[in-house]
N, C-alpha and C. Protein backbone atom coordinates (compact mmCIF):
# COMPACT_ATOMS: atom_id res chain seq x y z
N MET A 1 -47.84 41.28 102.22
CA MET A 1 -47.21 41.25 103.50
C MET A 1 -47.40 39.86 104.17
N LYS A 2 -46.26 39.28 104.63
CA LYS A 2 -46.32 38.01 105.30
C LYS A 2 -45.88 38.17 106.74
N GLN A 3 -46.56 37.45 107.63
CA GLN A 3 -46.35 37.63 109.09
C GLN A 3 -46.45 36.32 109.87
N ILE A 4 -45.58 36.08 110.81
CA ILE A 4 -45.69 34.90 111.69
C ILE A 4 -45.48 35.36 113.09
N THR A 5 -46.20 34.62 113.98
CA THR A 5 -45.97 34.91 115.41
C THR A 5 -45.45 33.60 116.02
N VAL A 6 -44.27 33.73 116.71
CA VAL A 6 -43.64 32.50 117.22
C VAL A 6 -43.31 32.72 118.71
N LEU A 7 -43.02 31.63 119.41
CA LEU A 7 -42.67 31.63 120.77
C LEU A 7 -41.16 31.38 120.92
N VAL A 8 -40.40 32.28 121.65
CA VAL A 8 -38.99 32.14 121.85
C VAL A 8 -38.88 31.15 123.02
N VAL A 9 -38.11 30.03 122.75
CA VAL A 9 -37.96 28.98 123.72
C VAL A 9 -36.55 28.85 124.20
N ASP A 10 -35.56 29.57 123.63
CA ASP A 10 -34.17 29.50 124.04
C ASP A 10 -34.18 30.01 125.50
N PRO A 11 -33.57 29.23 126.44
CA PRO A 11 -33.51 29.59 127.88
C PRO A 11 -32.96 31.04 128.15
N VAL A 12 -32.21 31.57 127.25
CA VAL A 12 -31.62 32.90 127.40
C VAL A 12 -32.37 33.93 126.65
N GLY A 13 -33.36 33.51 125.86
CA GLY A 13 -34.10 34.48 125.06
C GLY A 13 -33.43 34.62 123.69
N LEU A 14 -33.78 35.69 123.00
CA LEU A 14 -33.12 35.98 121.76
C LEU A 14 -31.89 36.80 122.04
N HIS A 15 -30.78 36.07 122.29
CA HIS A 15 -29.49 36.67 122.74
C HIS A 15 -28.66 36.89 121.44
N ALA A 16 -27.44 37.41 121.72
CA ALA A 16 -26.55 37.91 120.64
C ALA A 16 -26.22 36.92 119.51
N ARG A 17 -25.91 35.69 119.89
CA ARG A 17 -25.49 34.76 118.80
C ARG A 17 -26.68 34.45 117.81
N PRO A 18 -27.83 34.01 118.27
CA PRO A 18 -28.86 33.68 117.32
C PRO A 18 -29.42 34.98 116.70
N ALA A 19 -29.40 36.12 117.42
CA ALA A 19 -29.83 37.35 116.83
C ALA A 19 -28.99 37.75 115.72
N THR A 20 -27.67 37.54 115.82
CA THR A 20 -26.76 37.88 114.68
C THR A 20 -27.10 36.94 113.51
N VAL A 21 -27.27 35.68 113.69
CA VAL A 21 -27.60 34.76 112.65
C VAL A 21 -28.92 35.24 111.92
N ALA A 22 -29.92 35.60 112.75
CA ALA A 22 -31.18 36.04 112.19
C ALA A 22 -31.05 37.35 111.41
N VAL A 23 -30.25 38.26 111.90
CA VAL A 23 -29.99 39.54 111.25
C VAL A 23 -29.25 39.30 109.93
N ASN A 24 -28.29 38.42 109.89
CA ASN A 24 -27.59 38.12 108.66
C ASN A 24 -28.50 37.47 107.62
N ALA A 25 -29.44 36.62 108.06
CA ALA A 25 -30.46 36.05 107.16
C ALA A 25 -31.35 37.08 106.62
N ALA A 26 -31.88 37.95 107.49
CA ALA A 26 -32.80 39.03 107.05
C ALA A 26 -32.14 39.99 106.06
N SER A 27 -30.87 40.23 106.30
CA SER A 27 -30.15 41.20 105.49
C SER A 27 -30.00 40.75 104.05
N LYS A 28 -30.19 39.50 103.71
CA LYS A 28 -29.98 38.94 102.39
C LYS A 28 -31.18 39.28 101.48
N PHE A 29 -32.28 39.79 102.08
CA PHE A 29 -33.49 39.96 101.33
C PHE A 29 -33.75 41.42 101.04
N LYS A 30 -34.46 41.72 99.88
CA LYS A 30 -34.75 43.10 99.51
C LYS A 30 -35.94 43.57 100.30
N CYS A 31 -36.86 42.77 100.69
CA CYS A 31 -38.05 43.17 101.41
C CYS A 31 -37.71 43.84 102.76
N GLU A 32 -38.66 44.58 103.33
CA GLU A 32 -38.52 45.10 104.70
C GLU A 32 -38.85 44.02 105.65
N VAL A 33 -38.00 43.80 106.65
CA VAL A 33 -38.21 42.69 107.63
C VAL A 33 -38.22 43.41 109.02
N LYS A 34 -39.31 43.15 109.74
CA LYS A 34 -39.44 43.83 111.07
C LYS A 34 -39.73 42.66 112.09
N VAL A 35 -39.25 42.85 113.34
CA VAL A 35 -39.59 41.97 114.46
C VAL A 35 -40.28 42.86 115.55
N SER A 36 -41.37 42.33 116.06
CA SER A 36 -42.15 43.06 117.07
C SER A 36 -42.27 42.28 118.34
N PHE A 37 -42.17 43.07 119.42
CA PHE A 37 -42.17 42.46 120.79
C PHE A 37 -42.74 43.53 121.75
N LYS A 38 -43.85 43.21 122.48
CA LYS A 38 -44.47 44.17 123.41
C LYS A 38 -44.75 45.48 122.86
N GLY A 39 -45.31 45.51 121.67
CA GLY A 39 -45.75 46.79 121.05
C GLY A 39 -44.67 47.55 120.33
N ARG A 40 -43.39 47.09 120.41
CA ARG A 40 -42.25 47.79 119.70
C ARG A 40 -41.91 46.99 118.54
N SER A 41 -41.57 47.68 117.39
CA SER A 41 -41.25 47.05 116.23
C SER A 41 -39.94 47.64 115.73
N VAL A 42 -38.93 46.77 115.35
CA VAL A 42 -37.66 47.27 114.88
C VAL A 42 -37.28 46.54 113.56
N ASN A 43 -36.38 47.14 112.88
CA ASN A 43 -35.82 46.54 111.66
C ASN A 43 -35.00 45.33 112.00
N MET A 44 -35.38 44.18 111.48
CA MET A 44 -34.70 42.93 111.76
C MET A 44 -33.32 42.83 111.10
N LYS A 45 -32.99 43.81 110.29
CA LYS A 45 -31.70 43.89 109.59
C LYS A 45 -30.65 44.52 110.46
N SER A 46 -31.11 45.06 111.65
CA SER A 46 -30.26 45.77 112.54
C SER A 46 -29.98 45.06 113.82
N ILE A 47 -28.79 44.63 114.10
CA ILE A 47 -28.50 43.87 115.34
C ILE A 47 -28.79 44.78 116.53
N MET A 48 -28.50 46.04 116.54
CA MET A 48 -28.78 46.91 117.60
C MET A 48 -30.24 47.03 117.87
N GLY A 49 -31.04 47.07 116.81
CA GLY A 49 -32.45 47.19 116.93
C GLY A 49 -32.99 45.86 117.59
N VAL A 50 -32.61 44.75 117.09
CA VAL A 50 -33.10 43.44 117.66
C VAL A 50 -32.70 43.26 119.11
N MET A 51 -31.43 43.59 119.41
CA MET A 51 -30.96 43.50 120.77
C MET A 51 -31.70 44.52 121.70
N SER A 52 -32.09 45.70 121.18
CA SER A 52 -32.71 46.61 122.02
C SER A 52 -34.11 46.20 122.59
N LEU A 53 -34.65 45.18 121.90
CA LEU A 53 -35.95 44.69 122.36
C LEU A 53 -35.82 43.85 123.58
N GLY A 54 -34.63 43.27 123.86
CA GLY A 54 -34.42 42.51 125.10
C GLY A 54 -35.48 41.39 125.26
N ILE A 55 -35.53 40.49 124.26
CA ILE A 55 -36.53 39.50 124.18
C ILE A 55 -36.15 38.27 125.06
N PRO A 56 -36.90 38.06 126.17
CA PRO A 56 -36.62 36.96 127.05
C PRO A 56 -37.25 35.59 126.56
N THR A 57 -36.94 34.50 127.21
CA THR A 57 -37.51 33.23 126.90
C THR A 57 -39.03 33.30 127.23
N GLN A 58 -39.75 32.41 126.48
CA GLN A 58 -41.20 32.26 126.63
C GLN A 58 -41.95 33.55 126.16
N SER A 59 -41.39 34.30 125.29
CA SER A 59 -41.98 35.52 124.80
C SER A 59 -42.52 35.23 123.35
N GLU A 60 -43.58 35.84 123.06
CA GLU A 60 -44.19 35.83 121.70
C GLU A 60 -43.65 36.94 120.91
N ILE A 61 -43.07 36.71 119.74
CA ILE A 61 -42.55 37.75 118.83
C ILE A 61 -43.25 37.63 117.51
N THR A 62 -43.38 38.70 116.76
CA THR A 62 -44.03 38.66 115.45
C THR A 62 -42.95 39.19 114.42
N ILE A 63 -42.82 38.41 113.38
CA ILE A 63 -41.86 38.77 112.34
C ILE A 63 -42.72 39.13 111.08
N THR A 64 -42.43 40.23 110.48
CA THR A 64 -43.24 40.67 109.34
C THR A 64 -42.26 41.03 108.15
N CYS A 65 -42.62 40.50 107.07
CA CYS A 65 -41.82 40.77 105.76
C CYS A 65 -42.80 41.37 104.79
N GLU A 66 -42.31 42.47 104.17
CA GLU A 66 -43.14 43.12 103.16
C GLU A 66 -42.24 43.57 102.01
N GLY A 67 -42.63 43.09 100.81
CA GLY A 67 -41.77 43.46 99.60
C GLY A 67 -41.71 42.33 98.64
N ASP A 68 -40.84 42.47 97.73
CA ASP A 68 -40.69 41.49 96.56
C ASP A 68 -40.51 40.04 96.95
N ASP A 69 -39.59 39.78 97.88
CA ASP A 69 -39.19 38.37 98.26
C ASP A 69 -39.71 38.01 99.61
N GLU A 70 -40.91 38.58 100.02
CA GLU A 70 -41.36 38.44 101.36
C GLU A 70 -41.65 36.94 101.75
N GLU A 71 -42.24 36.18 100.80
CA GLU A 71 -42.50 34.79 101.07
C GLU A 71 -41.29 33.93 101.40
N PHE A 72 -40.28 34.09 100.56
CA PHE A 72 -38.98 33.34 100.78
C PHE A 72 -38.31 33.87 102.01
N ALA A 73 -38.32 35.17 102.22
CA ALA A 73 -37.72 35.78 103.43
C ALA A 73 -38.26 35.24 104.71
N ILE A 74 -39.57 35.22 104.88
CA ILE A 74 -40.23 34.84 106.10
C ILE A 74 -39.96 33.28 106.39
N ASN A 75 -39.97 32.52 105.29
CA ASN A 75 -39.71 31.07 105.46
C ASN A 75 -38.25 30.82 105.88
N THR A 76 -37.35 31.56 105.27
CA THR A 76 -35.90 31.38 105.57
C THR A 76 -35.66 31.80 107.00
N ILE A 77 -36.17 32.99 107.43
CA ILE A 77 -35.89 33.50 108.75
C ILE A 77 -36.47 32.52 109.75
N GLU A 78 -37.71 32.01 109.55
CA GLU A 78 -38.26 31.07 110.50
C GLU A 78 -37.41 29.85 110.57
N GLU A 79 -36.96 29.28 109.42
CA GLU A 79 -36.10 28.13 109.46
C GLU A 79 -34.83 28.39 110.18
N VAL A 80 -34.14 29.57 110.03
CA VAL A 80 -32.92 29.87 110.68
C VAL A 80 -33.13 29.90 112.20
N LEU A 81 -34.25 30.53 112.69
CA LEU A 81 -34.52 30.60 114.08
C LEU A 81 -34.76 29.26 114.70
N ARG A 82 -35.48 28.34 113.90
CA ARG A 82 -35.77 26.93 114.35
C ARG A 82 -34.47 26.16 114.47
N THR A 83 -33.59 26.34 113.45
CA THR A 83 -32.30 25.68 113.41
C THR A 83 -31.46 26.07 114.63
N GLN A 84 -31.49 27.32 114.99
CA GLN A 84 -30.72 27.87 116.14
C GLN A 84 -31.34 27.46 117.50
N LYS A 85 -32.55 26.84 117.35
CA LYS A 85 -33.35 26.39 118.58
C LYS A 85 -33.76 27.62 119.38
N VAL A 86 -34.06 28.68 118.75
CA VAL A 86 -34.56 29.92 119.41
C VAL A 86 -36.09 29.86 119.58
N ILE A 87 -36.79 29.31 118.50
CA ILE A 87 -38.20 29.16 118.51
C ILE A 87 -38.60 27.70 118.39
N ALA A 88 -39.78 27.45 118.83
CA ALA A 88 -40.25 26.05 118.70
C ALA A 88 -41.21 25.86 117.65
């Protein structure tokens, strides 16, 4: 299992556009990918799940990958979120 905790810095939080990009990135991997916020954890391959968390700016989120390609998955998802300027 690979896990990272990051700070959301986008002024609008984790909103629809970057969430869609992150979900698309997560969906390319075989491993299980979860995002956690305030004690709730959802499948990061589900846009409805990610949006249901309502993650505002300056929030800490934890992304967890577990499975065959977990190392590549966590690195790719982190890079995608940094490219979208969602996390610092």
